[in-house]
N, C-alpha and C. Protein backbone atom coordinates (compact mmCIF):
# COMPACT_ATOMS: atom_id res chain seq x y z
N MET A 1 20.56 3.23 9.24
CA MET A 1 20.62 2.95 8.11
C MET A 1 19.65 1.74 8.79
N PRO A 2 18.40 1.35 7.58
CA PRO A 2 17.37 0.03 9.01
C PRO A 2 18.10 -0.48 8.70
N LYS A 3 17.98 -1.71 9.42
CA LYS A 3 18.61 -3.54 9.82
C LYS A 3 17.43 -4.40 10.75
N CYS A 4 17.45 -5.35 10.29
CA CYS A 4 16.70 -6.78 10.53
C CYS A 4 17.82 -6.54 11.59
N GLU A 5 17.69 -6.56 13.30
CA GLU A 5 18.64 -7.11 14.38
C GLU A 5 19.52 -8.58 14.22
N ILE A 6 18.09 -9.50 13.73
CA ILE A 6 18.79 -10.74 14.18
C ILE A 6 19.41 -10.91 12.76
N CYS A 7 18.76 -11.46 11.44
CA CYS A 7 19.72 -11.84 10.63
C CYS A 7 20.63 -10.11 9.24
N LEU A 8 20.90 -9.58 10.06
CA LEU A 8 20.90 -8.39 9.59
C LEU A 8 20.30 -7.49 8.47
N LYS A 9 19.74 -8.26 7.61
CA LYS A 9 19.04 -8.64 6.35
C LYS A 9 19.60 -5.91 6.81
N GLY A 10 19.97 -5.55 4.75
CA GLY A 10 19.62 -4.45 5.66
C GLY A 10 19.94 -3.84 3.58
N PRO A 11 19.23 -3.14 3.15
CA PRO A 11 19.23 -2.44 2.03
C PRO A 11 20.33 -2.65 0.86
N LYS A 12 18.72 -2.67 -0.54
CA LYS A 12 19.30 -3.62 -1.97
C LYS A 12 20.03 -2.24 -2.85
N LYS A 13 20.55 -2.41 -2.85
CA LYS A 13 20.47 -1.21 -4.55
C LYS A 13 19.02 -2.02 -5.87
N ALA A 14 18.36 -0.79 -5.85
CA ALA A 14 18.08 -1.57 -7.20
C ALA A 14 17.94 -0.21 -8.80
N ALA A 15 17.85 -0.53 -9.44
CA ALA A 15 17.55 0.59 -10.64
C ALA A 15 15.62 0.08 -11.12
N ASN A 16 15.46 1.58 -11.14
CA ASN A 16 14.99 2.44 -12.23
C ASN A 16 14.65 2.14 -13.22
N ARG A 17 13.42 1.50 -14.62
CA ARG A 17 14.32 1.58 -15.69
C ARG A 17 13.47 2.39 -16.67
N SER A 18 12.94 3.78 -17.43
CA SER A 18 12.41 3.85 -18.31
C SER A 18 12.29 3.86 -19.37
N HIS A 19 11.61 3.81 -20.03
CA HIS A 19 10.89 3.25 -21.42
C HIS A 19 11.67 2.97 -21.81
N SER A 20 13.13 4.58 -22.38
CA SER A 20 14.03 4.40 -23.21
C SER A 20 15.10 4.01 -21.83
N LYS A 21 14.91 2.77 -21.37
CA LYS A 21 15.41 2.13 -20.44
C LYS A 21 16.96 3.22 -19.62
N VAL A 22 16.28 4.71 -19.51
CA VAL A 22 17.50 4.45 -18.52
C VAL A 22 17.95 4.17 -17.38
N LYS A 23 18.91 4.37 -16.61
CA LYS A 23 19.11 3.49 -15.06
C LYS A 23 19.12 4.67 -14.42
N THR A 24 17.95 4.43 -13.30
CA THR A 24 17.61 5.06 -12.39
C THR A 24 17.95 4.44 -11.21
N LEU A 25 19.11 5.34 -10.50
CA LEU A 25 19.37 3.71 -8.81
C LEU A 25 18.69 4.45 -8.30
N ARG A 26 17.74 2.87 -6.87
CA ARG A 26 17.45 3.67 -6.28
C ARG A 26 17.60 2.53 -5.13
N ARG A 27 17.05 3.46 -3.95
CA ARG A 27 17.37 1.51 -2.66
C ARG A 27 16.25 0.83 -2.58
N GLN A 28 16.07 0.13 -2.15
CA GLN A 28 15.16 -1.14 -1.95
C GLN A 28 15.43 -1.44 -0.21
N LYS A 29 14.14 -0.84 0.71
CA LYS A 29 14.44 -1.08 1.99
C LYS A 29 14.15 -2.27 2.85
N PRO A 30 14.42 -3.63 3.92
CA PRO A 30 13.65 -4.02 4.28
C PRO A 30 12.53 -3.25 4.74
N ASN A 31 11.43 -4.51 4.71
CA ASN A 31 10.02 -4.83 5.32
C ASN A 31 10.31 -4.93 7.08
N LEU A 32 10.36 -3.48 7.88
CA LEU A 32 10.98 -4.07 9.04
C LEU A 32 10.11 -3.58 9.37
N GLN A 33 9.71 -4.16 11.11
CA GLN A 33 8.35 -4.41 11.58
C GLN A 33 9.00 -4.49 13.82
N LYS A 34 8.18 -3.47 13.72
CA LYS A 34 8.39 -3.79 15.62
C LYS A 34 8.35 -5.04 16.53
N LEU A 35 8.56 -5.97 17.13
CA LEU A 35 8.46 -6.54 18.05
C LEU A 35 8.74 -6.70 18.91
N ASP A 36 7.79 -6.18 20.12
CA ASP A 36 8.61 -6.57 21.36
C ASP A 36 10.04 -5.09 21.12
N ASN A 37 9.94 -3.96 20.88
CA ASN A 37 10.54 -3.22 21.00
C ASN A 37 12.26 -3.62 20.52
N HIS A 38 12.17 -4.32 19.29
CA HIS A 38 12.83 -4.80 18.31
C HIS A 38 12.54 -5.16 16.80
N LYS A 39 13.24 -4.28 16.16
CA LYS A 39 13.00 -4.38 14.95
C LYS A 39 13.56 -4.85 14.17
N VAL A 40 13.05 -5.97 13.41
CA VAL A 40 12.58 -7.04 12.86
C VAL A 40 12.09 -7.04 11.31
N CYS A 41 12.66 -8.38 10.46
CA CYS A 41 12.10 -7.92 9.07
C CYS A 41 10.50 -9.05 8.93
N THR A 42 10.30 -9.16 8.24
CA THR A 42 9.06 -10.12 8.07
C THR A 42 9.36 -11.62 8.06
N LYS A 43 10.16 -11.98 7.68
CA LYS A 43 11.00 -13.57 7.35
C LYS A 43 11.07 -13.50 8.64
N CYS A 44 11.93 -12.61 9.74
CA CYS A 44 12.14 -13.33 10.26
C CYS A 44 11.26 -13.15 11.66
N ARG A 45 10.38 -13.37 11.53
CA ARG A 45 8.51 -12.45 12.30
C ARG A 45 8.47 -13.65 12.45
N ARG A 46 7.87 -14.28 11.40
CA ARG A 46 7.15 -15.18 11.04
C ARG A 46 8.16 -16.71 11.66
N THR A 47 9.65 -16.34 12.09
CA THR A 47 10.52 -16.79 12.13
C THR A 47 9.83 -17.36 13.62
N ILE A 48 10.17 -16.28 14.09
CA ILE A 48 10.12 -16.22 15.71
C ILE A 48 8.40 -16.67 15.61
N THR A 49 7.17 -16.18 15.07
CA THR A 49 6.07 -16.93 15.39
C THR A 49 6.17 -17.95 15.76
N LYS A 50 6.20 -19.06 14.98
CA LYS A 50 6.37 -20.06 13.92
C LYS A 50 6.81 -21.10 15.45
N LYS A 51 8.21 -20.40 15.30
CA LYS A 51 8.31 -21.28 16.75
C LYS A 51 8.81 -21.60 18.30
N PHE A 52 7.86 -20.05 18.40
CA PHE A 52 7.64 -20.22 19.86
C PHE A 52 5.83 -20.46 19.12
N ALA A 53 5.15 -21.11 18.85
CA ALA A 53 3.87 -21.42 18.38
C ALA A 53 3.70 -22.84 18.77
N GLU A 54 4.82 -23.23 18.57
CA GLU A 54 5.69 -25.10 18.08
C GLU A 54 5.85 -25.47 20.04
N MET A 55 6.67 -24.82 20.50
CA MET A 55 6.37 -24.22 22.16
C MET A 55 6.07 -24.53 22.77
N THR A 56 4.91 -23.55 22.55
CA THR A 56 4.01 -23.11 23.48
C THR A 56 2.34 -25.12 23.33
N ALA A 57 2.42 -25.49 21.73
CA ALA A 57 1.31 -26.34 21.88
C ALA A 57 1.71 -27.63 22.32
């Protein structure tokens, strides 16, 4: 199961709705990226790069 290694954000349940309002369950997976051999969601990745930029500036 894909999870962010920092905030532990994982997949959520969502529903596809047809024209006749029939609900079909599906999974919404988080947008994970590799950052230095770690699986990190994009929100955490942006926060990390922002903090790193503040430290070096």
